[in-house]
PDB file of N, CA and C in Angstrom:
ATOM      1  N   MET A   1     128.043  66.420  50.419  1.00  0.00           N
ATOM      2  CA  MET A   1     128.306  67.862  50.341  1.00  0.00           C
ATOM      3  C   MET A   1     127.641  68.403  49.076  1.00  0.00           C
ATOM      4  N   GLY A   2     126.880  69.463  49.242  1.00  0.00           N
ATOM      5  CA  GLY A   2     126.201  70.059  48.099  1.00  0.00           C
ATOM      6  C   GLY A   2     127.137  70.914  47.266  1.00  0.00           C
ATOM      7  N   ASN A   3     126.764  71.091  46.008  1.00  0.00           N
ATOM      8  CA  ASN A   3     127.547  71.938  45.116  1.00  0.00           C
ATOM      9  C   ASN A   3     126.729  73.195  44.812  1.00  0.00           C
ATOM     10  N   ILE A   4     127.317  74.353  45.046  1.00  0.00           N
ATOM     11  CA  ILE A   4     126.629  75.614  44.776  1.00  0.00           C
ATOM     12  C   ILE A   4     127.382  76.318  43.651  1.00  0.00           C
ATOM     13  N   GLU A   5     126.634  76.723  42.631  1.00  0.00           N
ATOM     14  CA  GLU A   5     127.241  77.416  41.496  1.00  0.00           C
ATOM     15  C   GLU A   5     126.770  78.868  41.505  1.00  0.00           C
ATOM     16  N   VAL A   6     127.727  79.781  41.502  1.00  0.00           N
ATOM     17  CA  VAL A   6     127.407  81.212  41.576  1.00  0.00           C
ATOM     18  C   VAL A   6     128.169  81.999  40.513  1.00  0.00           C
ATOM     19  N   VAL A   7     127.727  83.233  40.329  1.00  0.00           N
ATOM     20  CA  VAL A   7     128.428  84.176  39.464  1.00  0.00           C
ATOM     21  C   VAL A   7     128.847  85.372  40.320  1.00  0.00           C
ATOM     22  N   ALA A   8     129.972  85.983  39.958  1.00  0.00           N
ATOM     23  CA  ALA A   8     130.454  87.140  40.708  1.00  0.00           C
ATOM     24  C   ALA A   8     130.882  88.230  39.743  1.00  0.00           C
ATOM     25  N   ALA A   9     130.590  89.469  40.137  1.00  0.00           N
ATOM     26  CA  ALA A   9     130.954  90.627  39.324  1.00  0.00           C
ATOM     27  C   ALA A   9     132.185  91.300  39.918  1.00  0.00           C
ATOM     28  N   ILE A  10     133.234  91.365  39.118  1.00  0.00           N
ATOM     29  CA  ILE A  10     134.396  92.144  39.515  1.00  0.00           C
ATOM     30  C   ILE A  10     134.209  93.492  38.820  1.00  0.00           C
ATOM     31  N   ILE A  11     133.526  94.395  39.529  1.00  0.00           N
ATOM     32  CA  ILE A  11     133.196  95.706  38.965  1.00  0.00           C
ATOM     33  C   ILE A  11     134.422  96.595  39.118  1.00  0.00           C
ATOM     34  N   TYR A  12     134.843  97.201  38.001  1.00  0.00           N
ATOM     35  CA  TYR A  12     136.021  98.051  38.087  1.00  0.00           C
ATOM     36  C   TYR A  12     135.759  99.410  37.445  1.00  0.00           C
ATOM     37  N   LYS A  13     136.501 100.391  37.961  1.00  0.00           N
ATOM     38  CA  LYS A  13     136.389 101.765  37.465  1.00  0.00           C
ATOM     39  C   LYS A  13     137.654 102.501  37.860  1.00  0.00           C
ATOM     40  N   ASN A  14     138.264 103.170  36.910  1.00  0.00           N
ATOM     41  CA  ASN A  14     139.458 103.985  37.188  1.00  0.00           C
ATOM     42  C   ASN A  14     140.529 103.236  37.973  1.00  0.00           C
ATOM     43  N   GLY A  15     140.769 101.987  37.592  1.00  0.00           N
ATOM     44  CA  GLY A  15     141.846 101.223  38.227  1.00  0.00           C
ATOM     45  C   GLY A  15     141.518 100.644  39.588  1.00  0.00           C
ATOM     46  N   ALA A  16     140.248 100.691  39.996  1.00  0.00           N
ATOM     47  CA  ALA A  16     139.864 100.145  41.299  1.00  0.00           C
ATOM     48  C   ALA A  16     138.744  99.122  41.120  1.00  0.00           C
ATOM     49  N   TYR A  17     138.675  98.192  42.069  1.00  0.00           N
ATOM     50  CA  TYR A  17     137.686  97.109  42.038  1.00  0.00           C
ATOM     51  C   TYR A  17     136.718  97.271  43.207  1.00  0.00           C
ATOM     52  N   PHE A  18     135.456  96.939  42.975  1.00  0.00           N
ATOM     53  CA  PHE A  18     134.420  97.126  43.989  1.00  0.00           C
ATOM     54  C   PHE A  18     134.296  95.879  44.850  1.00  0.00           C
ATOM     55  N   ALA A  19     134.563  96.026  46.144  1.00  0.00           N
ATOM     56  CA  ALA A  19     134.490  94.918  47.102  1.00  0.00           C
ATOM     57  C   ALA A  19     133.352  95.176  48.073  1.00  0.00           C
ATOM     58  N   THR A  20     132.636  94.104  48.449  1.00  0.00           N
ATOM     59  CA  THR A  20     131.520  94.249  49.375  1.00  0.00           C
ATOM     60  C   THR A  20     131.730  93.374  50.604  1.00  0.00           C
ATOM     61  N   GLN A  21     131.239  93.868  51.748  1.00  0.00           N
ATOM     62  CA  GLN A  21     131.372  93.148  53.014  1.00  0.00           C
ATOM     63  C   GLN A  21     130.031  92.510  53.362  1.00  0.00           C
ATOM     64  N   ARG A  22     130.058  91.220  53.593  1.00  0.00           N
ATOM     65  CA  ARG A  22     128.811  90.485  53.870  1.00  0.00           C
ATOM     66  C   ARG A  22     128.150  90.980  55.151  1.00  0.00           C
ATOM     67  N   GLY A  23     126.836  91.179  55.069  1.00  0.00           N
ATOM     68  CA  GLY A  23     126.102  91.666  56.226  1.00  0.00           C
ATOM     69  C   GLY A  23     125.242  90.602  56.879  1.00  0.00           C
ATOM     70  N   TYR A  24     125.433  89.340  56.502  1.00  0.00           N
ATOM     71  CA  TYR A  24     124.555  88.286  57.002  1.00  0.00           C
ATOM     72  C   TYR A  24     125.239  86.934  56.884  1.00  0.00           C
ATOM     73  N   GLY A  25     124.690  85.958  57.576  1.00  0.00           N
ATOM     74  CA  GLY A  25     125.062  84.556  57.376  1.00  0.00           C
ATOM     75  C   GLY A  25     126.365  84.138  58.035  1.00  0.00           C
ATOM     76  N   GLU A  26     126.785  82.951  57.634  1.00  0.00           N
ATOM     77  CA  GLU A  26     127.939  82.284  58.222  1.00  0.00           C
ATOM     78  C   GLU A  26     129.222  83.106  58.088  1.00  0.00           C
ATOM     79  N   PHE A  27     129.345  83.859  56.993  1.00  0.00           N
ATOM     80  CA  PHE A  27     130.597  84.589  56.743  1.00  0.00           C
ATOM     81  C   PHE A  27     130.417  86.094  56.917  1.00  0.00           C
ATOM     82  N   GLU A  28     129.493  86.486  57.788  1.00  0.00           N
ATOM     83  CA  GLU A  28     129.229  87.906  58.024  1.00  0.00           C
ATOM     84  C   GLU A  28     130.524  88.635  58.395  1.00  0.00           C
ATOM     85  N   GLY A  29     130.716  89.812  57.779  1.00  0.00           N
ATOM     86  CA  GLY A  29     131.895  90.621  58.080  1.00  0.00           C
ATOM     87  C   GLY A  29     133.064  90.375  57.140  1.00  0.00           C
ATOM     88  N   MET A  30     133.033  89.257  56.400  1.00  0.00           N
ATOM     89  CA  MET A  30     134.112  88.994  55.450  1.00  0.00           C
ATOM     90  C   MET A  30     133.785  89.649  54.108  1.00  0.00           C
ATOM     91  N   TRP A  31     134.795  89.798  53.267  1.00  0.00           N
ATOM     92  CA  TRP A  31     134.655  90.527  52.013  1.00  0.00           C
ATOM     93  C   TRP A  31     134.532  89.593  50.820  1.00  0.00           C
ATOM     94  N   GLU A  32     133.797  90.063  49.815  1.00  0.00           N
ATOM     95  CA  GLU A  32     133.552  89.260  48.621  1.00  0.00           C
ATOM     96  C   GLU A  32     133.275  90.185  47.446  1.00  0.00           C
ATOM     97  N   PHE A  33     133.305  89.583  46.256  1.00  0.00           N
ATOM     98  CA  PHE A  33     132.804  90.288  45.085  1.00  0.00           C
ATOM     99  C   PHE A  33     131.302  90.012  45.016  1.00  0.00           C
ATOM    100  N   PRO A  34     130.489  91.012  44.702  1.00  0.00           N
ATOM    101  CA  PRO A  34     129.040  90.803  44.697  1.00  0.00           C
ATOM    102  C   PRO A  34     128.598  89.843  43.600  1.00  0.00           C
ATOM    103  N   GLY A  35     127.465  89.215  43.830  1.00  0.00           N
ATOM    104  CA  GLY A  35     126.910  88.254  42.876  1.00  0.00           C
ATOM    105  C   GLY A  35     126.000  87.302  43.601  1.00  0.00           C
ATOM    106  N   GLY A  36     125.764  86.136  43.009  1.00  0.00           N
ATOM    107  CA  GLY A  36     124.898  85.184  43.684  1.00  0.00           C
ATOM    108  C   GLY A  36     124.610  83.961  42.840  1.00  0.00           C
ATOM    109  N   LYS A  37     123.621  83.200  43.295  1.00  0.00           N
ATOM    110  CA  LYS A  37     123.298  81.917  42.674  1.00  0.00           C
ATOM    111  C   LYS A  37     122.628  82.095  41.314  1.00  0.00           C
ATOM    112  N   ILE A  38     122.909  81.126  40.453  1.00  0.00           N
ATOM    113  CA  ILE A  38     122.269  81.069  39.137  1.00  0.00           C
ATOM    114  C   ILE A  38     120.941  80.341  39.319  1.00  0.00           C
ATOM    115  N   GLU A  39     119.839  80.968  38.913  1.00  0.00           N
ATOM    116  CA  GLU A  39     118.519  80.331  39.007  1.00  0.00           C
ATOM    117  C   GLU A  39     118.364  79.321  37.870  1.00  0.00           C
ATOM    118  N   PRO A  40     117.510  78.299  38.063  1.00  0.00           N
ATOM    119  CA  PRO A  40     117.280  77.320  36.984  1.00  0.00           C
ATOM    120  C   PRO A  40     116.839  78.012  35.693  1.00  0.00           C
ATOM    121  N   GLY A  41     117.477  77.633  34.589  1.00  0.00           N
ATOM    122  CA  GLY A  41     117.111  78.200  33.294  1.00  0.00           C
ATOM    123  C   GLY A  41     117.805  79.507  32.940  1.00  0.00           C
ATOM    124  N   GLU A  42     118.546  80.080  33.884  1.00  0.00           N
ATOM    125  CA  GLU A  42     119.258  81.336  33.606  1.00  0.00           C
ATOM    126  C   GLU A  42     120.640  81.052  33.024  1.00  0.00           C
ATOM    127  N   SER A  43     121.097  81.924  32.142  1.00  0.00           N
ATOM    128  CA  SER A  43     122.496  81.872  31.735  1.00  0.00           C
ATOM    129  C   SER A  43     123.308  82.576  32.833  1.00  0.00           C
ATOM    130  N   ARG A  44     124.598  82.371  32.829  1.00  0.00           N
ATOM    131  CA  ARG A  44     125.456  83.032  33.824  1.00  0.00           C
ATOM    132  C   ARG A  44     125.338  84.544  33.718  1.00  0.00           C
ATOM    133  N   GLU A  45     125.305  85.042  32.493  1.00  0.00           N
ATOM    134  CA  GLU A  45     125.271  86.493  32.279  1.00  0.00           C
ATOM    135  C   GLU A  45     123.967  87.098  32.791  1.00  0.00           C
ATOM    136  N   VAL A  46     122.846  86.428  32.489  1.00  0.00           N
ATOM    137  CA  VAL A  46     121.540  86.924  32.950  1.00  0.00           C
ATOM    138  C   VAL A  46     121.485  86.894  34.486  1.00  0.00           C
ATOM    139  N   ALA A  47     121.991  85.816  35.077  1.00  0.00           N
ATOM    140  CA  ALA A  47     122.007  85.695  36.537  1.00  0.00           C
ATOM    141  C   ALA A  47     122.833  86.809  37.168  1.00  0.00           C
ATOM    142  N   LEU A  48     123.982  87.098  36.580  1.00  0.00           N
ATOM    143  CA  LEU A  48     124.862  88.113  37.148  1.00  0.00           C
ATOM    144  C   LEU A  48     124.214  89.499  37.092  1.00  0.00           C
ATOM    145  N   LYS A  49     123.630  89.846  35.979  1.00  0.00           N
ATOM    146  CA  LYS A  49     122.970  91.153  35.862  1.00  0.00           C
ATOM    147  C   LYS A  49     121.805  91.270  36.841  1.00  0.00           C
ATOM    148  N   ARG A  50     121.032  90.175  37.007  1.00  0.00           N
ATOM    149  CA  ARG A  50     119.909  90.180  37.946  1.00  0.00           C
ATOM    150  C   ARG A  50     120.404  90.335  39.382  1.00  0.00           C
ATOM    151  N   GLU A  51     121.411  89.561  39.757  1.00  0.00           N
ATOM    152  CA  GLU A  51     121.930  89.616  41.127  1.00  0.00           C
ATOM    153  C   GLU A  51     122.465  91.012  41.469  1.00  0.00           C
ATOM    154  N   ILE A  52     123.183  91.619  40.558  1.00  0.00           N
ATOM    155  CA  ILE A  52     123.757  92.942  40.827  1.00  0.00           C
ATOM    156  C   ILE A  52     122.647  93.996  40.921  1.00  0.00           C
ATOM    157  N   ARG A  53     121.633  93.858  40.089  1.00  0.00           N
ATOM    158  CA  ARG A  53     120.482  94.770  40.184  1.00  0.00           C
ATOM    159  C   ARG A  53     119.810  94.618  41.551  1.00  0.00           C
ATOM    160  N   GLU A  54     119.652  93.359  42.020  1.00  0.00           N
ATOM    161  CA  GLU A  54     119.007  93.101  43.310  1.00  0.00           C
ATOM    162  C   GLU A  54     119.861  93.586  44.486  1.00  0.00           C
ATOM    163  N   GLU A  55     121.168  93.333  44.434  1.00  0.00           N
ATOM    164  CA  GLU A  55     122.040  93.633  45.577  1.00  0.00           C
ATOM    165  C   GLU A  55     122.494  95.091  45.623  1.00  0.00           C
ATOM    166  N   LEU A  56     122.746  95.672  44.455  1.00  0.00           N
ATOM    167  CA  LEU A  56     123.374  97.001  44.412  1.00  0.00           C
ATOM    168  C   LEU A  56     122.539  98.068  43.702  1.00  0.00           C
ATOM    169  N   GLY A  57     121.449  97.650  43.046  1.00  0.00           N
ATOM    170  CA  GLY A  57     120.565  98.623  42.407  1.00  0.00           C
ATOM    171  C   GLY A  57     121.121  99.286  41.164  1.00  0.00           C
ATOM    172  N   VAL A  58     122.088  98.643  40.497  1.00  0.00           N
ATOM    173  CA  VAL A  58     122.676  99.216  39.282  1.00  0.00           C
ATOM    174  C   VAL A  58     122.624  98.212  38.137  1.00  0.00           C
ATOM    175  N   ASP A  59     122.717  98.726  36.927  1.00  0.00           N
ATOM    176  CA  ASP A  59     122.830  97.881  35.746  1.00  0.00           C
ATOM    177  C   ASP A  59     124.295  97.835  35.333  1.00  0.00           C
ATOM    178  N   ILE A  60     124.738  96.646  34.940  1.00  0.00           N
ATOM    179  CA  ILE A  60     126.143  96.461  34.556  1.00  0.00           C
ATOM    180  C   ILE A  60     126.245  95.935  33.130  1.00  0.00           C
ATOM    181  N   THR A  61     127.410  96.146  32.543  1.00  0.00           N
ATOM    182  CA  THR A  61     127.773  95.420  31.332  1.00  0.00           C
ATOM    183  C   THR A  61     128.816  94.396  31.747  1.00  0.00           C
ATOM    184  N   ILE A  62     128.780  93.252  31.105  1.00  0.00           N
ATOM    185  CA  ILE A  62     129.778  92.216  31.371  1.00  0.00           C
ATOM    186  C   ILE A  62     130.829  92.354  30.281  1.00  0.00           C
ATOM    187  N   ASP A  63     132.011  92.781  30.685  1.00  0.00           N
ATOM    188  CA  ASP A  63     133.055  93.111  29.719  1.00  0.00           C
ATOM    189  C   ASP A  63     133.899  91.915  29.314  1.00  0.00           C
ATOM    190  N   LYS A  64     134.181  91.020  30.288  1.00  0.00           N
ATOM    191  CA  LYS A  64     135.096  89.927  29.981  1.00  0.00           C
ATOM    192  C   LYS A  64     134.995  88.850  31.052  1.00  0.00           C
ATOM    193  N   PHE A  65     135.037  87.582  30.614  1.00  0.00           N
ATOM    194  CA  PHE A  65     135.127  86.481  31.567  1.00  0.00           C
ATOM    195  C   PHE A  65     136.527  86.489  32.162  1.00  0.00           C
ATOM    196  N   LEU A  66     136.627  86.422  33.493  1.00  0.00           N
ATOM    197  CA  LEU A  66     137.936  86.439  34.139  1.00  0.00           C
ATOM    198  C   LEU A  66     138.411  85.028  34.493  1.00  0.00           C
ATOM    199  N   CYS A  67     137.593  84.281  35.253  1.00  0.00           N
ATOM    200  CA  CYS A  67     138.016  82.945  35.677  1.00  0.00           C
ATOM    201  C   CYS A  67     136.853  82.210  36.337  1.00  0.00           C
ATOM    202  N   THR A  68     137.032  80.908  36.483  1.00  0.00           N
ATOM    203  CA  THR A  68     136.148  80.100  37.316  1.00  0.00           C
ATOM    204  C   THR A  68     137.010  79.526  38.423  1.00  0.00           C
ATOM    205  N   THR A  69     136.531  79.648  39.652  1.00  0.00           N
ATOM    206  CA  THR A  69     137.285  79.135  40.779  1.00  0.00           C
ATOM    207  C   THR A  69     136.413  78.141  41.554  1.00  0.00           C
ATOM    208  N   ASP A  70     137.047  77.117  42.085  1.00  0.00           N
ATOM    209  CA  ASP A  70     136.353  76.113  42.895  1.00  0.00           C
ATOM    210  C   ASP A  70     136.938  76.125  44.292  1.00  0.00           C
ATOM    211  N   TYR A  71     136.064  76.013  45.290  1.00  0.00           N
ATOM    212  CA  TYR A  71     136.551  76.002  46.667  1.00  0.00           C
ATOM    213  C   TYR A  71     135.665  75.098  47.510  1.00  0.00           C
ATOM    214  N   ASN A  72     136.291  74.269  48.338  1.00  0.00           N
ATOM    215  CA  ASN A  72     135.556  73.403  49.257  1.00  0.00           C
ATOM    216  C   ASN A  72     135.420  74.081  50.616  1.00  0.00           C
ATOM    217  N   TYR A  73     134.222  74.590  50.888  1.00  0.00           N
ATOM    218  CA  TYR A  73     133.910  75.097  52.225  1.00  0.00           C
ATOM    219  C   TYR A  73     133.517  73.892  53.081  1.00  0.00           C
ATOM    220  N   PRO A  74     133.470  74.048  54.410  1.00  0.00           N
ATOM    221  CA  PRO A  74     133.153  72.892  55.258  1.00  0.00           C
ATOM    222  C   PRO A  74     131.812  72.219  54.910  1.00  0.00           C
ATOM    223  N   SER A  75     130.802  72.991  54.519  1.00  0.00           N
ATOM    224  CA  SER A  75     129.479  72.394  54.325  1.00  0.00           C
ATOM    225  C   SER A  75     129.018  72.320  52.866  1.00  0.00           C
ATOM    226  N   PHE A  76     129.815  72.866  51.930  1.00  0.00           N
ATOM    227  CA  PHE A  76     129.424  72.807  50.517  1.00  0.00           C
ATOM    228  C   PHE A  76     130.634  73.069  49.621  1.00  0.00           C
ATOM    229  N   HIS A  77     130.480  72.700  48.344  1.00  0.00           N
ATOM    230  CA  HIS A  77     131.510  72.991  47.339  1.00  0.00           C
ATOM    231  C   HIS A  77     131.008  74.160  46.503  1.00  0.00           C
ATOM    232  N   LEU A  78     131.848  75.163  46.333  1.00  0.00           N
ATOM    233  CA  LEU A  78     131.467  76.360  45.575  1.00  0.00           C
ATOM    234  C   LEU A  78     132.190  76.399  44.230  1.00  0.00           C
ATOM    235  N   THR A  79     131.428  76.623  43.176  1.00  0.00           N
ATOM    236  CA  THR A  79     131.983  76.928  41.862  1.00  0.00           C
ATOM    237  C   THR A  79     131.564  78.360  41.554  1.00  0.00           C
ATOM    238  N   MET A  80     132.548  79.237  41.350  1.00  0.00           N
ATOM    239  CA  MET A  80     132.256  80.658  41.151  1.00  0.00           C
ATOM    240  C   MET A  80     132.825  81.128  39.810  1.00  0.00           C
ATOM    241  N   HIS A  81     131.926  81.635  38.962  1.00  0.00           N
ATOM    242  CA  HIS A  81     132.312  82.169  37.657  1.00  0.00           C
ATOM    243  C   HIS A  81     132.425  83.689  37.788  1.00  0.00           C
ATOM    244  N   CYS A  82     133.599  84.212  37.488  1.00  0.00           N
ATOM    245  CA  CYS A  82     133.875  85.633  37.727  1.00  0.00           C
ATOM    246  C   CYS A  82     134.028  86.401  36.417  1.00  0.00           C
ATOM    247  N   TYR A  83     133.404  87.572  36.392  1.00  0.00           N
ATOM    248  CA  TYR A  83     133.422  88.401  35.184  1.00  0.00           C
ATOM    249  C   TYR A  83     133.822  89.822  35.538  1.00  0.00           C
ATOM    250  N   LEU A  84     134.652  90.424  34.691  1.00  0.00           N
ATOM    251  CA  LEU A  84     134.953  91.844  34.825  1.00  0.00           C
ATOM    252  C   LEU A  84     133.766  92.625  34.291  1.00  0.00           C
ATOM    253  N   CYS A  85     133.280  93.587  35.053  1.00  0.00           N
ATOM    254  CA  CYS A  85     132.052  94.303  34.717  1.00  0.00           C
ATOM    255  C   CYS A  85     132.218  95.802  34.934  1.00  0.00           C
ATOM    256  N   SER A  86     131.333  96.568  34.285  1.00  0.00           N
ATOM    257  CA  SER A  86     131.274  98.016  34.475  1.00  0.00           C
ATOM    258  C   SER A  86     129.837  98.405  34.785  1.00  0.00           C
ATOM    259  N   VAL A  87     129.676  99.419  35.632  1.00  0.00           N
ATOM    260  CA  VAL A  87     128.344  99.957  35.907  1.00  0.00           C
ATOM    261  C   VAL A  87     127.954 100.853  34.739  1.00  0.00           C
ATOM    262  N   VAL A  88     126.762 100.634  34.175  1.00  0.00           N
ATOM    263  CA  VAL A  88     126.310 101.469  33.057  1.00  0.00           C
ATOM    264  C   VAL A  88     125.215 102.446  33.454  1.00  0.00           C
ATOM    265  N   SER A  89     124.421 102.093  34.481  1.00  0.00           N
ATOM    266  CA  SER A  89     123.418 103.054  34.932  1.00  0.00           C
ATOM    267  C   SER A  89     123.060 102.810  36.387  1.00  0.00           C
ATOM    268  N   GLY A  90     122.693 103.889  37.060  1.00  0.00           N
ATOM    269  CA  GLY A  90     122.303 103.816  38.469  1.00  0.00           C
ATOM    270  C   GLY A  90     123.446 104.184  39.396  1.00  0.00           C
ATOM    271  N   GLU A  91     123.084 104.409  40.649  1.00  0.00           N
ATOM    272  CA  GLU A  91     124.054 104.689  41.709  1.00  0.00           C
ATOM    273  C   GLU A  91     124.081 103.477  42.627  1.00  0.00           C
ATOM    274  N   ILE A  92     125.278 103.007  42.955  1.00  0.00           N
ATOM    275  CA  ILE A  92     125.398 101.823  43.807  1.00  0.00           C
ATOM    276  C   ILE A  92     124.801 102.094  45.180  1.00  0.00           C
ATOM    277  N   GLU A  93     123.903 101.207  45.608  1.00  0.00           N
ATOM    278  CA  GLU A  93     123.376 101.248  46.977  1.00  0.00           C
ATOM    279  C   GLU A  93     123.510  99.862  47.576  1.00  0.00           C
ATOM    280  N   LEU A  94     123.901  99.797  48.837  1.00  0.00           N
ATOM    281  CA  LEU A  94     124.121  98.512  49.496  1.00  0.00           C
ATOM    282  C   LEU A  94     122.812  98.009  50.078  1.00  0.00           C
ATOM    283  N   ARG A  95     122.224  97.014  49.438  1.00  0.00           N
ATOM    284  CA  ARG A  95     120.947  96.466  49.896  1.00  0.00           C
ATOM    285  C   ARG A  95     121.131  95.235  50.766  1.00  0.00           C
ATOM    286  N   GLU A  96     122.248  94.531  50.616  1.00  0.00           N
ATOM    287  CA  GLU A  96     122.473  93.301  51.387  1.00  0.00           C
ATOM    288  C   GLU A  96     123.810  93.302  52.126  1.00  0.00           C
ATOM    289  N   HIS A  97     124.668  94.248  51.827  1.00  0.00           N
ATOM    290  CA  HIS A  97     126.009  94.261  52.422  1.00  0.00           C
ATOM    291  C   HIS A  97     126.120  95.351  53.478  1.00  0.00           C
ATOM    292  N   MET A  98     127.022  95.152  54.451  1.00  0.00           N
ATOM    293  CA  MET A  98     127.180  96.136  55.517  1.00  0.00           C
ATOM    294  C   MET A  98     128.145  97.257  55.124  1.00  0.00           C
ATOM    295  N   SER A  99     129.000  96.980  54.155  1.00  0.00           N
ATOM    296  CA  SER A  99     129.983  97.982  53.764  1.00  0.00           C
ATOM    297  C   SER A  99     130.512  97.650  52.379  1.00  0.00           C
ATOM    298  N   ALA A 100     131.204  98.621  51.782  1.00  0.00           N
ATOM    299  CA  ALA A 100     131.820  98.393  50.473  1.00  0.00           C
ATOM    300  C   ALA A 100     132.988  99.355  50.319  1.00  0.00           C
ATOM    301  N   ARG A 101     133.936  98.970  49.472  1.00  0.00           N
ATOM    302  CA  ARG A 101     135.104  99.821  49.200  1.00  0.00           C
ATOM    303  C   ARG A 101     135.553  99.616  47.763  1.00  0.00           C
ATOM    304  N   TRP A 102     136.139 100.658  47.209  1.00  0.00           N
ATOM    305  CA  TRP A 102     136.858 100.538  45.930  1.00  0.00           C
ATOM    306  C   TRP A 102     138.315 100.285  46.282  1.00  0.00           C
ATOM    307  N   LEU A 103     138.870  99.167  45.823  1.00  0.00           N
ATOM    308  CA  LEU A 103     140.244  98.791  46.155  1.00  0.00           C
ATOM    309  C   LEU A 103     141.088  98.666  44.894  1.00  0.00           C
ATOM    310  N   THR A 104     142.317  99.147  44.960  1.00  0.00           N
ATOM    311  CA  THR A 104     143.249  99.003  43.840  1.00  0.00           C
ATOM    312  C   THR A 104     144.022  97.698  44.015  1.00  0.00           C
ATOM    313  N   THR A 105     144.810  97.331  43.017  1.00  0.00           N
ATOM    314  CA  THR A 105     145.600  96.101  43.152  1.00  0.00           C
ATOM    315  C   THR A 105     146.533  96.192  44.362  1.00  0.00           C
ATOM    316  N   LYS A 106     146.932  97.393  44.749  1.00  0.00           N
ATOM    317  CA  LYS A 106     147.815  97.557  45.920  1.00  0.00           C
ATOM    318  C   LYS A 106     147.065  97.394  47.239  1.00  0.00           C
ATOM    319  N   THR A 107     145.752  97.654  47.245  1.00  0.00           N
ATOM    320  CA  THR A 107     144.999  97.595  48.507  1.00  0.00           C
ATOM    321  C   THR A 107     144.020  96.421  48.577  1.00  0.00           C
ATOM    322  N   LEU A 108     143.987  95.582  47.543  1.00  0.00           N
ATOM    323  CA  LEU A 108     143.055  94.445  47.544  1.00  0.00           C
ATOM    324  C   LEU A 108     143.237  93.538  48.755  1.00  0.00           C
ATOM    325  N   ASP A 109     144.474  93.411  49.230  1.00  0.00           N
ATOM    326  CA  ASP A 109     144.707  92.506  50.363  1.00  0.00           C
ATOM    327  C   ASP A 109     144.554  93.192  51.719  1.00  0.00           C
ATOM    328  N   SER A 110     143.935  94.380  51.738  1.00  0.00           N
ATOM    329  CA  SER A 110     143.763  95.108  52.996  1.00  0.00           C
ATOM    330  C   SER A 110     142.491  94.708  53.734  1.00  0.00           C
ATOM    331  N   VAL A 111     141.665  93.831  53.142  1.00  0.00           N
ATOM    332  CA  VAL A 111     140.452  93.364  53.808  1.00  0.00           C
ATOM    333  C   VAL A 111     140.492  91.840  53.902  1.00  0.00           C
ATOM    334  N   GLU A 112     139.629  91.276  54.746  1.00  0.00           N
ATOM    335  CA  GLU A 112     139.596  89.820  54.927  1.00  0.00           C
ATOM    336  C   GLU A 112     138.598  89.208  53.942  1.00  0.00           C
ATOM    337  N   TRP A 113     139.141  88.635  52.862  1.00  0.00           N
ATOM    338  CA  TRP A 113     138.312  88.059  51.801  1.00  0.00           C
ATOM    339  C   TRP A 113     137.821  86.672  52.167  1.00  0.00           C
ATOM    340  N   LEU A 114     136.663  86.296  51.613  1.00  0.00           N
ATOM    341  CA  LEU A 114     136.215  84.907  51.682  1.00  0.00           C
ATOM    342  C   LEU A 114     137.233  84.050  50.925  1.00  0.00           C
ATOM    343  N   PRO A 115     137.447  82.811  51.363  1.00  0.00           N
ATOM    344  CA  PRO A 115     138.490  81.986  50.735  1.00  0.00           C
ATOM    345  C   PRO A 115     138.370  81.861  49.213  1.00  0.00           C
ATOM    346  N   ALA A 116     137.182  81.653  48.691  1.00  0.00           N
ATOM    347  CA  ALA A 116     137.030  81.487  47.242  1.00  0.00           C
ATOM    348  C   ALA A 116     137.420  82.766  46.505  1.00  0.00           C
ATOM    349  N   ASP A 117     137.145  83.913  47.121  1.00  0.00           N
ATOM    350  CA  ASP A 117     137.460  85.186  46.471  1.00  0.00           C
ATOM    351  C   ASP A 117     138.964  85.480  46.475  1.00  0.00           C
ATOM    352  N   LYS A 118     139.693  84.883  47.429  1.00  0.00           N
ATOM    353  CA  LYS A 118     141.147  85.097  47.497  1.00  0.00           C
ATOM    354  C   LYS A 118     141.840  84.656  46.207  1.00  0.00           C
ATOM    355  N   GLU A 119     141.358  83.553  45.631  1.00  0.00           N
ATOM    356  CA  GLU A 119     141.957  83.066  44.377  1.00  0.00           C
ATOM    357  C   GLU A 119     141.775  84.092  43.260  1.00  0.00           C
ATOM    358  N   VAL A 120     140.629  84.757  43.261  1.00  0.00           N
ATOM    359  CA  VAL A 120     140.346  85.770  42.248  1.00  0.00           C
ATOM    360  C   VAL A 120     141.274  86.969  42.440  1.00  0.00           C
ATOM    361  N   ILE A 121     141.509  87.329  43.692  1.00  0.00           N
ATOM    362  CA  ILE A 121     142.420  88.443  44.011  1.00  0.00           C
ATOM    363  C   ILE A 121     143.807  88.177  43.422  1.00  0.00           C
ATOM    364  N   ASP A 122     144.274  86.944  43.596  1.00  0.00           N
ATOM    365  CA  ASP A 122     145.595  86.582  43.055  1.00  0.00           C
ATOM    366  C   ASP A 122     145.640  86.811  41.547  1.00  0.00           C
ATOM    367  N   LYS A 123     144.569  86.470  40.854  1.00  0.00           N
ATOM    368  CA  LYS A 123     144.524  86.669  39.394  1.00  0.00           C
ATOM    369  C   LYS A 123     144.519  88.169  39.044  1.00  0.00           C
ATOM    370  N   LEU A 124     143.798  88.961  39.834  1.00  0.00           N
ATOM    371  CA  LEU A 124     143.739  90.403  39.547  1.00  0.00           C
ATOM    372  C   LEU A 124     145.100  91.063  39.784  1.00  0.00           C
ATOM    373  N   ILE A 125     145.778  90.637  40.838  1.00  0.00           N
ATOM    374  CA  ILE A 125     147.069  91.249  41.180  1.00  0.00           C
ATOM    375  C   ILE A 125     148.139  90.885  40.147  1.00  0.00           C
ATOM    376  N   THR A 126     148.046  89.677  39.591  1.00  0.00           N
ATOM    377  CA  THR A 126     149.095  89.233  38.662  1.00  0.00           C
ATOM    378  C   THR A 126     148.753  89.454  37.201  1.00  0.00           C
ATOM    379  N   LYS A 127     147.538  89.904  36.906  1.00  0.00           N
ATOM    380  CA  LYS A 127     147.144  89.999  35.489  1.00  0.00           C
ATOM    381  C   LYS A 127     147.822  91.167  34.773  1.00  0.00           C
TER     382      LYS A 127
END
């Protein structure tokens, strides 16, 4: 089983968190925090800013490390490093996702999250 290491942005504004719905692949239609794989030689922070620029067309600041979560999917092991982030410039546009929503701690569980992201939701709700 391969190990995939990714970074995820928990973008927040006015008490709400930005959730994206996958528009492709094995988990199409499920919800996740945006982000992606760390390229060789990249730091987590550089990878996260690049991924968000590619996926959403905005620049972010990384405000705080939130958590690292590990999850065993059927075909790979995922290690996901999650950071609380803010948009500093640009307007969010969905380049890879089919949908997106701003969710509060009360509505975070109103969508079907990917399993690895569910652990992050628990931390946001209880923090």
